[in-house]
Amino acid sequence: MNKIVEFLTEAKAELLRVNWPKRQEIVRYTMLVIIISLVVAIFLGSLDYLFSYLVENFLLTR
């Protein structure tokens, strides 16, 4: 039981030393992740559309 109390005390001490991000930083990083995800999704979707078009029109018609 003593080890559990010691662990929890040390964990609390570590959490107090963490440099937590401010609300503005969290919002900024979240928006950055959403924008990058959308750009990658559009890029991969356009590649999928292009390759589908090429396969349907040049490989399956002959």
PDB file of N, CA and C in Angstrom:
ATOM      1  N   MET A   1       0.829  -1.193   0.000  1.00  0.00           N
ATOM      2  CA  MET A   1       0.000   0.000   0.000  1.00  0.00           C
ATOM      3  C   MET A   1       0.870   1.253   0.000  1.00  0.00           C
ATOM      4  N   ASN A   2       2.005   1.173   0.670  1.00  0.00           N
ATOM      5  CA  ASN A   2       2.906   2.313   0.752  1.00  0.00           C
ATOM      6  C   ASN A   2       3.464   2.671  -0.619  1.00  0.00           C
ATOM      7  N   LYS A   3       3.717   1.664  -1.460  1.00  0.00           N
ATOM      8  CA  LYS A   3       4.245   1.915  -2.808  1.00  0.00           C
ATOM      9  C   LYS A   3       3.226   2.650  -3.667  1.00  0.00           C
ATOM     10  N   ILE A   4       1.959   2.308  -3.504  1.00  0.00           N
ATOM     11  CA  ILE A   4       0.900   2.970  -4.290  1.00  0.00           C
ATOM     12  C   ILE A   4       0.815   4.445  -3.916  1.00  0.00           C
ATOM     13  N   VAL A   5       0.851   4.751  -2.638  1.00  0.00           N
ATOM     14  CA  VAL A   5       0.794   6.145  -2.173  1.00  0.00           C
ATOM     15  C   VAL A   5       2.016   6.901  -2.673  1.00  0.00           C
ATOM     16  N   GLU A   6       3.170   6.264  -2.605  1.00  0.00           N
ATOM     17  CA  GLU A   6       4.393   6.901  -3.095  1.00  0.00           C
ATOM     18  C   GLU A   6       4.305   7.185  -4.593  1.00  0.00           C
ATOM     19  N   PHE A   7       3.794   6.212  -5.340  1.00  0.00           N
ATOM     20  CA  PHE A   7       3.641   6.417  -6.780  1.00  0.00           C
ATOM     21  C   PHE A   7       2.703   7.571  -7.086  1.00  0.00           C
ATOM     22  N   LEU A   8       1.560   7.613  -6.424  1.00  0.00           N
ATOM     23  CA  LEU A   8       0.594   8.686  -6.668  1.00  0.00           C
ATOM     24  C   LEU A   8       1.163  10.054  -6.273  1.00  0.00           C
ATOM     25  N   THR A   9       1.917  10.118  -5.217  1.00  0.00           N
ATOM     26  CA  THR A   9       2.546  11.374  -4.798  1.00  0.00           C
ATOM     27  C   THR A   9       3.547  11.853  -5.841  1.00  0.00           C
ATOM     28  N   GLU A  10       4.359  10.921  -6.348  1.00  0.00           N
ATOM     29  CA  GLU A  10       5.339  11.289  -7.373  1.00  0.00           C
ATOM     30  C   GLU A  10       4.660  11.675  -8.692  1.00  0.00           C
ATOM     31  N   ALA A  11       3.585  10.979  -9.032  1.00  0.00           N
ATOM     32  CA  ALA A  11       2.856  11.313 -10.255  1.00  0.00           C
ATOM     33  C   ALA A  11       2.256  12.715 -10.168  1.00  0.00           C
ATOM     34  N   LYS A  12       1.698  13.050  -9.011  1.00  0.00           N
ATOM     35  CA  LYS A  12       1.136  14.389  -8.824  1.00  0.00           C
ATOM     36  C   LYS A  12       2.226  15.450  -8.929  1.00  0.00           C
ATOM     37  N   ALA A  13       3.398  15.177  -8.352  1.00  0.00           N
ATOM     38  CA  ALA A  13       4.508  16.125  -8.416  1.00  0.00           C
ATOM     39  C   ALA A  13       4.961  16.325  -9.864  1.00  0.00           C
ATOM     40  N   GLU A  14       5.004  15.254 -10.645  1.00  0.00           N
ATOM     41  CA  GLU A  14       5.386  15.374 -12.059  1.00  0.00           C
ATOM     42  C   GLU A  14       4.358  16.176 -12.845  1.00  0.00           C
ATOM     43  N   LEU A  15       3.089  15.934 -12.587  1.00  0.00           N
ATOM     44  CA  LEU A  15       2.039  16.665 -13.304  1.00  0.00           C
ATOM     45  C   LEU A  15       2.061  18.156 -12.993  1.00  0.00           C
ATOM     46  N   LEU A  16       2.490  18.511 -11.813  1.00  0.00           N
ATOM     47  CA  LEU A  16       2.588  19.934 -11.469  1.00  0.00           C
ATOM     48  C   LEU A  16       3.740  20.612 -12.196  1.00  0.00           C
ATOM     49  N   ARG A  17       4.732  19.841 -12.634  1.00  0.00           N
ATOM     50  CA  ARG A  17       5.878  20.412 -13.360  1.00  0.00           C
ATOM     51  C   ARG A  17       5.669  20.460 -14.866  1.00  0.00           C
ATOM     52  N   VAL A  18       4.578  19.874 -15.352  1.00  0.00           N
ATOM     53  CA  VAL A  18       4.330  19.853 -16.793  1.00  0.00           C
ATOM     54  C   VAL A  18       4.023  21.268 -17.275  1.00  0.00           C
ATOM     55  N   ASN A  19       4.580  21.614 -18.438  1.00  0.00           N
ATOM     56  CA  ASN A  19       4.311  22.910 -19.046  1.00  0.00           C
ATOM     57  C   ASN A  19       3.089  22.759 -19.959  1.00  0.00           C
ATOM     58  N   TRP A  20       1.898  22.987 -19.405  1.00  0.00           N
ATOM     59  CA  TRP A  20       0.664  22.795 -20.152  1.00  0.00           C
ATOM     60  C   TRP A  20       0.483  23.922 -21.161  1.00  0.00           C
ATOM     61  N   PRO A  21       0.012  23.608 -22.391  1.00  0.00           N
ATOM     62  CA  PRO A  21      -0.203  24.656 -23.398  1.00  0.00           C
ATOM     63  C   PRO A  21      -1.400  25.540 -23.030  1.00  0.00           C
ATOM     64  N   LYS A  22      -1.328  26.766 -23.505  1.00  0.00           N
ATOM     65  CA  LYS A  22      -2.424  27.706 -23.277  1.00  0.00           C
ATOM     66  C   LYS A  22      -3.579  27.374 -24.229  1.00  0.00           C
ATOM     67  N   ARG A  23      -4.746  27.916 -23.925  1.00  0.00           N
ATOM     68  CA  ARG A  23      -5.936  27.652 -24.741  1.00  0.00           C
ATOM     69  C   ARG A  23      -5.708  28.098 -26.186  1.00  0.00           C
ATOM     70  N   GLN A  24      -5.075  29.240 -26.373  1.00  0.00           N
ATOM     71  CA  GLN A  24      -4.828  29.759 -27.717  1.00  0.00           C
ATOM     72  C   GLN A  24      -3.919  28.811 -28.507  1.00  0.00           C
ATOM     73  N   GLU A  25      -2.937  28.233 -27.876  1.00  0.00           N
ATOM     74  CA  GLU A  25      -2.054  27.280 -28.558  1.00  0.00           C
ATOM     75  C   GLU A  25      -2.813  26.019 -28.960  1.00  0.00           C
ATOM     76  N   ILE A  26      -3.678  25.539 -28.072  1.00  0.00           N
ATOM     77  CA  ILE A  26      -4.456  24.338 -28.375  1.00  0.00           C
ATOM     78  C   ILE A  26      -5.359  24.579 -29.574  1.00  0.00           C
ATOM     79  N   VAL A  27      -6.025  25.730 -29.601  1.00  0.00           N
ATOM     80  CA  VAL A  27      -6.909  26.053 -30.724  1.00  0.00           C
ATOM     81  C   VAL A  27      -6.096  26.170 -32.005  1.00  0.00           C
ATOM     82  N   ARG A  28      -4.951  26.817 -31.953  1.00  0.00           N
ATOM     83  CA  ARG A  28      -4.101  26.989 -33.137  1.00  0.00           C
ATOM     84  C   ARG A  28      -3.626  25.637 -33.681  1.00  0.00           C
ATOM     85  N   TYR A  29      -3.150  24.774 -32.796  1.00  0.00           N
ATOM     86  CA  TYR A  29      -2.659  23.466 -33.230  1.00  0.00           C
ATOM     87  C   TYR A  29      -3.791  22.587 -33.759  1.00  0.00           C
ATOM     88  N   THR A  30      -4.962  22.693 -33.141  1.00  0.00           N
ATOM     89  CA  THR A  30      -6.108  21.922 -33.622  1.00  0.00           C
ATOM     90  C   THR A  30      -6.510  22.367 -35.020  1.00  0.00           C
ATOM     91  N   MET A  31      -6.551  23.663 -35.253  1.00  0.00           N
ATOM     92  CA  MET A  31      -6.890  24.176 -36.579  1.00  0.00           C
ATOM     93  C   MET A  31      -5.837  23.745 -37.605  1.00  0.00           C
ATOM     94  N   LEU A  32      -4.584  23.760 -37.225  1.00  0.00           N
ATOM     95  CA  LEU A  32      -3.511  23.338 -38.114  1.00  0.00           C
ATOM     96  C   LEU A  32      -3.681  21.872 -38.506  1.00  0.00           C
ATOM     97  N   VAL A  33      -4.007  21.022 -37.548  1.00  0.00           N
ATOM     98  CA  VAL A  33      -4.213  19.602 -37.839  1.00  0.00           C
ATOM     99  C   VAL A  33      -5.416  19.415 -38.765  1.00  0.00           C
ATOM    100  N   ILE A  34      -6.502  20.135 -38.527  1.00  0.00           N
ATOM    101  CA  ILE A  34      -7.688  20.013 -39.374  1.00  0.00           C
ATOM    102  C   ILE A  34      -7.377  20.462 -40.799  1.00  0.00           C
ATOM    103  N   ILE A  35      -6.684  21.585 -40.950  1.00  0.00           N
ATOM    104  CA  ILE A  35      -6.359  22.094 -42.283  1.00  0.00           C
ATOM    105  C   ILE A  35      -5.439  21.134 -43.027  1.00  0.00           C
ATOM    106  N   ILE A  36      -4.410  20.640 -42.362  1.00  0.00           N
ATOM    107  CA  ILE A  36      -3.490  19.699 -43.016  1.00  0.00           C
ATOM    108  C   ILE A  36      -4.228  18.422 -43.399  1.00  0.00           C
ATOM    109  N   SER A  37      -5.122  17.945 -42.535  1.00  0.00           N
ATOM    110  CA  SER A  37      -5.894  16.739 -42.844  1.00  0.00           C
ATOM    111  C   SER A  37      -6.783  16.952 -44.069  1.00  0.00           C
ATOM    112  N   LEU A  38      -7.405  18.113 -44.160  1.00  0.00           N
ATOM    113  CA  LEU A  38      -8.254  18.406 -45.320  1.00  0.00           C
ATOM    114  C   LEU A  38      -7.431  18.490 -46.602  1.00  0.00           C
ATOM    115  N   VAL A  39      -6.268  19.122 -46.540  1.00  0.00           N
ATOM    116  CA  VAL A  39      -5.411  19.234 -47.722  1.00  0.00           C
ATOM    117  C   VAL A  39      -4.956  17.854 -48.190  1.00  0.00           C
ATOM    118  N   VAL A  40      -4.552  17.017 -47.260  1.00  0.00           N
ATOM    119  CA  VAL A  40      -4.116  15.662 -47.614  1.00  0.00           C
ATOM    120  C   VAL A  40      -5.283  14.860 -48.172  1.00  0.00           C
ATOM    121  N   ALA A  41      -6.470  14.991 -47.585  1.00  0.00           N
ATOM    122  CA  ALA A  41      -7.643  14.269 -48.073  1.00  0.00           C
ATOM    123  C   ALA A  41      -8.006  14.705 -49.493  1.00  0.00           C
ATOM    124  N   ILE A  42      -7.952  16.001 -49.774  1.00  0.00           N
ATOM    125  CA  ILE A  42      -8.249  16.497 -51.121  1.00  0.00           C
ATOM    126  C   ILE A  42      -7.200  15.997 -52.107  1.00  0.00           C
ATOM    127  N   PHE A  43      -5.943  16.022 -51.715  1.00  0.00           N
ATOM    128  CA  PHE A  43      -4.875  15.548 -52.581  1.00  0.00           C
ATOM    129  C   PHE A  43      -5.037  14.063 -52.901  1.00  0.00           C
ATOM    130  N   LEU A  44      -5.265  13.238 -51.886  1.00  0.00           N
ATOM    131  CA  LEU A  44      -5.419  11.803 -52.112  1.00  0.00           C
ATOM    132  C   LEU A  44      -6.702  11.496 -52.885  1.00  0.00           C
ATOM    133  N   GLY A  45      -7.764  12.247 -52.617  1.00  0.00           N
ATOM    134  CA  GLY A  45      -9.013  12.061 -53.366  1.00  0.00           C
ATOM    135  C   GLY A  45      -8.849  12.400 -54.833  1.00  0.00           C
ATOM    136  N   SER A  46      -8.112  13.456 -55.120  1.00  0.00           N
ATOM    137  CA  SER A  46      -7.895  13.824 -56.522  1.00  0.00           C
ATOM    138  C   SER A  46      -7.006  12.797 -57.224  1.00  0.00           C
ATOM    139  N   LEU A  47      -6.013  12.259 -56.539  1.00  0.00           N
ATOM    140  CA  LEU A  47      -5.200  11.194 -57.126  1.00  0.00           C
ATOM    141  C   LEU A  47      -6.046   9.951 -57.403  1.00  0.00           C
ATOM    142  N   ASP A  48      -6.914   9.600 -56.478  1.00  0.00           N
ATOM    143  CA  ASP A  48      -7.803   8.453 -56.666  1.00  0.00           C
ATOM    144  C   ASP A  48      -8.709   8.663 -57.872  1.00  0.00           C
ATOM    145  N   TYR A  49      -9.271   9.863 -57.983  1.00  0.00           N
ATOM    146  CA  TYR A  49     -10.133  10.166 -59.117  1.00  0.00           C
ATOM    147  C   TYR A  49      -9.345  10.097 -60.423  1.00  0.00           C
ATOM    148  N   LEU A  50      -8.147  10.658 -60.458  1.00  0.00           N
ATOM    149  CA  LEU A  50      -7.319  10.653 -61.657  1.00  0.00           C
ATOM    150  C   LEU A  50      -6.964   9.234 -62.076  1.00  0.00           C
ATOM    151  N   PHE A  51      -6.508   8.420 -61.135  1.00  0.00           N
ATOM    152  CA  PHE A  51      -6.130   7.054 -61.479  1.00  0.00           C
ATOM    153  C   PHE A  51      -7.341   6.225 -61.891  1.00  0.00           C
ATOM    154  N   SER A  52      -8.488   6.442 -61.261  1.00  0.00           N
ATOM    155  CA  SER A  52      -9.708   5.738 -61.664  1.00  0.00           C
ATOM    156  C   SER A  52     -10.092   6.116 -63.086  1.00  0.00           C
ATOM    157  N   TYR A  53     -10.001   7.391 -63.391  1.00  0.00           N
ATOM    158  CA  TYR A  53     -10.323   7.868 -64.738  1.00  0.00           C
ATOM    159  C   TYR A  53      -9.372   7.239 -65.764  1.00  0.00           C
ATOM    160  N   LEU A  54      -8.089   7.236 -65.465  1.00  0.00           N
ATOM    161  CA  LEU A  54      -7.111   6.669 -66.390  1.00  0.00           C
ATOM    162  C   LEU A  54      -7.323   5.172 -66.592  1.00  0.00           C
ATOM    163  N   VAL A  55      -7.612   4.455 -65.538  1.00  0.00           N
ATOM    164  CA  VAL A  55      -7.820   3.005 -65.660  1.00  0.00           C
ATOM    165  C   VAL A  55      -9.089   2.721 -66.467  1.00  0.00           C
ATOM    166  N   GLU A  56     -10.167   3.446 -66.183  1.00  0.00           N
ATOM    167  CA  GLU A  56     -11.424   3.195 -66.879  1.00  0.00           C
ATOM    168  C   GLU A  56     -11.337   3.551 -68.360  1.00  0.00           C
ATOM    169  N   ASN A  57     -10.648   4.619 -68.707  1.00  0.00           N
ATOM    170  CA  ASN A  57     -10.641   5.087 -70.083  1.00  0.00           C
ATOM    171  C   ASN A  57      -9.510   4.501 -70.931  1.00  0.00           C
ATOM    172  N   PHE A  58      -8.419   4.080 -70.333  1.00  0.00           N
ATOM    173  CA  PHE A  58      -7.294   3.621 -71.132  1.00  0.00           C
ATOM    174  C   PHE A  58      -6.978   2.133 -70.970  1.00  0.00           C
ATOM    175  N   LEU A  59      -7.388   1.542 -69.894  1.00  0.00           N
ATOM    176  CA  LEU A  59      -7.082   0.129 -69.691  1.00  0.00           C
ATOM    177  C   LEU A  59      -8.297  -0.782 -69.888  1.00  0.00           C
ATOM    178  N   LEU A  60      -9.466  -0.328 -69.555  1.00  0.00           N
ATOM    179  CA  LEU A  60     -10.639  -1.192 -69.626  1.00  0.00           C
ATOM    180  C   LEU A  60     -11.379  -1.116 -70.950  1.00  0.00           C
ATOM    181  N   THR A  61     -11.086  -0.132 -71.789  1.00  0.00           N
ATOM    182  CA  THR A  61     -11.813   0.012 -73.046  1.00  0.00           C
ATOM    183  C   THR A  61     -11.175  -0.802 -74.168  1.00  0.00           C
ATOM    184  N   ARG A  62      -9.995  -1.305 -73.989  1.00  0.00           N
ATOM    185  CA  ARG A  62      -9.330  -2.031 -75.074  1.00  0.00           C
ATOM    186  C   ARG A  62      -9.451  -3.506 -74.937  1.00  0.00           C
TER     187      ARG A  62
END
